Amino acid sequence: MAGVTGKIKKIPERKCVGCANSFPKKELIRMVRDKEGNVSLDFVGKKAGRGAYLCKSVSCFKKAQKAKRFENNLECTIPAEVFEALAAELLEHESK
């Protein structure tokens, strides 16, 4: 028998909507719009719904917010107070 060759596992990559760089999926945070239209951050990547990926930095969050990339990717209008709550949640998670 010839030598055993192992399969190289492909690591899924996603593009950050803020800086447009590609990263391994596990390094990014997912923003999700569920069936009811609620928008939330998904730190584990398991929530059901339409998603957009983001670096774990507030600067990318603000850049994506300013360019309306979340609204385009999630196909909904996001109120300013929801953005404020999500930014606070991201800051809290970033400091851990």
C-alpha atoms as a PDB file:
ATOM      1  CA  MET A   1       0.000   0.000   0.000  1.00  0.00           C
ATOM      2  CA  ALA A   2       1.114   3.497  -0.761  1.00  0.00           C
ATOM      3  CA  GLY A   3       1.472   6.112   1.965  1.00  0.00           C
ATOM      4  CA  VAL A   4      -1.676   7.388   3.590  1.00  0.00           C
ATOM      5  CA  THR A   5      -2.560  10.869   2.468  1.00  0.00           C
ATOM      6  CA  GLY A   6      -4.751  12.919   4.740  1.00  0.00           C
ATOM      7  CA  LYS A   7      -7.279  15.336   3.422  1.00  0.00           C
ATOM      8  CA  ILE A   8      -6.543  18.959   4.036  1.00  0.00           C
ATOM      9  CA  LYS A   9      -9.598  20.430   5.691  1.00  0.00           C
ATOM     10  CA  LYS A  10     -10.761  23.609   3.986  1.00  0.00           C
ATOM     11  CA  ILE A  11     -11.309  26.467   6.414  1.00  0.00           C
ATOM     12  CA  PRO A  12     -14.383  28.501   5.428  1.00  0.00           C
ATOM     13  CA  GLU A  13     -13.690  32.196   4.923  1.00  0.00           C
ATOM     14  CA  ARG A  14     -16.046  35.151   4.965  1.00  0.00           C
ATOM     15  CA  LYS A  15     -15.596  38.794   4.023  1.00  0.00           C
ATOM     16  CA  CYS A  16     -15.973  41.558   6.596  1.00  0.00           C
ATOM     17  CA  VAL A  17     -18.609  44.085   5.501  1.00  0.00           C
ATOM     18  CA  GLY A  18     -16.565  46.873   7.114  1.00  0.00           C
ATOM     19  CA  CYS A  19     -13.035  46.473   5.762  1.00  0.00           C
ATOM     20  CA  ALA A  20     -13.813  43.972   2.936  1.00  0.00           C
ATOM     21  CA  ASN A  21     -10.952  41.665   3.980  1.00  0.00           C
ATOM     22  CA  SER A  22     -11.464  37.900   4.088  1.00  0.00           C
ATOM     23  CA  PHE A  23     -10.930  36.031   7.348  1.00  0.00           C
ATOM     24  CA  PRO A  24     -11.624  32.535   8.655  1.00  0.00           C
ATOM     25  CA  LYS A  25     -15.313  32.364   9.582  1.00  0.00           C
ATOM     26  CA  LYS A  26     -14.574  31.668  13.263  1.00  0.00           C
ATOM     27  CA  GLU A  27     -12.653  34.953  13.613  1.00  0.00           C
ATOM     28  CA  LEU A  28     -15.654  37.062  12.600  1.00  0.00           C
ATOM     29  CA  ILE A  29     -18.889  38.089  14.295  1.00  0.00           C
ATOM     30  CA  ARG A  30     -22.145  37.538  12.468  1.00  0.00           C
ATOM     31  CA  MET A  31     -24.958  40.073  12.474  1.00  0.00           C
ATOM     32  CA  VAL A  32     -28.304  38.346  11.923  1.00  0.00           C
ATOM     33  CA  ARG A  33     -31.813  39.371  10.876  1.00  0.00           C
ATOM     34  CA  ASP A  34     -34.331  36.741  11.970  1.00  0.00           C
ATOM     35  CA  LYS A  35     -37.751  35.974  10.445  1.00  0.00           C
ATOM     36  CA  GLU A  36     -39.425  38.554  12.687  1.00  0.00           C
ATOM     37  CA  GLY A  37     -37.039  41.262  11.441  1.00  0.00           C
ATOM     38  CA  ASN A  38     -35.028  41.551  14.682  1.00  0.00           C
ATOM     39  CA  VAL A  39     -31.339  42.321  14.214  1.00  0.00           C
ATOM     40  CA  SER A  40     -28.779  40.945  16.681  1.00  0.00           C
ATOM     41  CA  LEU A  41     -25.129  39.953  16.982  1.00  0.00           C
ATOM     42  CA  ASP A  42     -24.370  36.252  16.784  1.00  0.00           C
ATOM     43  CA  PHE A  43     -21.050  35.537  18.475  1.00  0.00           C
ATOM     44  CA  VAL A  44     -21.201  31.760  17.881  1.00  0.00           C
ATOM     45  CA  GLY A  45     -22.560  31.788  14.314  1.00  0.00           C
ATOM     46  CA  LYS A  46     -25.502  29.450  14.960  1.00  0.00           C
ATOM     47  CA  LYS A  47     -28.559  31.740  14.906  1.00  0.00           C
ATOM     48  CA  ALA A  48     -31.054  31.235  12.110  1.00  0.00           C
ATOM     49  CA  GLY A  49     -31.588  34.067   9.661  1.00  0.00           C
ATOM     50  CA  ARG A  50     -29.885  36.233   7.087  1.00  0.00           C
ATOM     51  CA  GLY A  51     -26.386  37.247   8.124  1.00  0.00           C
ATOM     52  CA  ALA A  52     -23.518  39.619   7.484  1.00  0.00           C
ATOM     53  CA  TYR A  53     -19.998  39.076   8.832  1.00  0.00           C
ATOM     54  CA  LEU A  54     -17.905  41.637  10.662  1.00  0.00           C
ATOM     55  CA  CYS A  55     -14.429  41.922  12.187  1.00  0.00           C
ATOM     56  CA  LYS A  56     -14.332  42.098  15.953  1.00  0.00           C
ATOM     57  CA  SER A  57     -13.545  45.825  15.823  1.00  0.00           C
ATOM     58  CA  VAL A  58     -15.763  48.824  16.400  1.00  0.00           C
ATOM     59  CA  SER A  59     -14.063  50.722  13.557  1.00  0.00           C
ATOM     60  CA  CYS A  60     -15.252  48.135  10.999  1.00  0.00           C
ATOM     61  CA  PHE A  61     -18.722  48.246  12.568  1.00  0.00           C
ATOM     62  CA  LYS A  62     -18.895  52.033  12.189  1.00  0.00           C
ATOM     63  CA  LYS A  63     -17.527  51.899   8.624  1.00  0.00           C
ATOM     64  CA  ALA A  64     -20.147  49.317   7.606  1.00  0.00           C
ATOM     65  CA  GLN A  65     -22.895  51.285   9.365  1.00  0.00           C
ATOM     66  CA  LYS A  66     -21.942  54.538   7.610  1.00  0.00           C
ATOM     67  CA  ALA A  67     -21.905  52.845   4.181  1.00  0.00           C
ATOM     68  CA  LYS A  68     -25.261  51.108   4.949  1.00  0.00           C
ATOM     69  CA  ARG A  69     -23.690  47.713   4.266  1.00  0.00           C
ATOM     70  CA  PHE A  70     -25.616  46.017   7.082  1.00  0.00           C
ATOM     71  CA  GLU A  71     -28.913  47.236   5.695  1.00  0.00           C
ATOM     72  CA  ASN A  72     -27.960  46.124   2.175  1.00  0.00           C
ATOM     73  CA  ASN A  73     -26.748  42.673   3.267  1.00  0.00           C
ATOM     74  CA  LEU A  74     -29.586  42.016   5.717  1.00  0.00           C
ATOM     75  CA  GLU A  75     -32.174  43.508   3.344  1.00  0.00           C
ATOM     76  CA  CYS A  76     -33.887  45.619   6.004  1.00  0.00           C
ATOM     77  CA  THR A  77     -33.845  49.087   7.559  1.00  0.00           C
ATOM     78  CA  ILE A  78     -32.082  49.215  10.916  1.00  0.00           C
ATOM     79  CA  PRO A  79     -33.050  52.012  13.352  1.00  0.00           C
ATOM     80  CA  ALA A  80     -30.302  54.122  14.958  1.00  0.00           C
ATOM     81  CA  GLU A  81     -31.137  52.859  18.467  1.00  0.00           C
ATOM     82  CA  VAL A  82     -30.568  49.258  17.340  1.00  0.00           C
ATOM     83  CA  PHE A  83     -27.148  50.259  15.969  1.00  0.00           C
ATOM     84  CA  GLU A  84     -26.325  51.931  19.292  1.00  0.00           C
ATOM     85  CA  ALA A  85     -27.310  48.803  21.248  1.00  0.00           C
ATOM     86  CA  LEU A  86     -25.308  46.554  18.897  1.00  0.00           C
ATOM     87  CA  ALA A  87     -22.255  48.833  19.128  1.00  0.00           C
ATOM     88  CA  ALA A  88     -22.446  48.716  22.935  1.00  0.00           C
ATOM     89  CA  GLU A  89     -22.740  44.911  22.825  1.00  0.00           C
ATOM     90  CA  LEU A  90     -19.748  44.710  20.480  1.00  0.00           C
ATOM     91  CA  LEU A  91     -17.678  46.980  22.752  1.00  0.00           C
ATOM     92  CA  GLU A  92     -18.575  44.808  25.742  1.00  0.00           C
ATOM     93  CA  HIS A  93     -17.580  41.642  23.879  1.00  0.00           C
ATOM     94  CA  GLU A  94     -14.377  43.249  22.537  1.00  0.00           C
ATOM     95  CA  SER A  95     -13.193  44.140  26.048  1.00  0.00           C
ATOM     96  CA  LYS A  96     -13.451  40.506  27.249  1.00  0.00           C
END
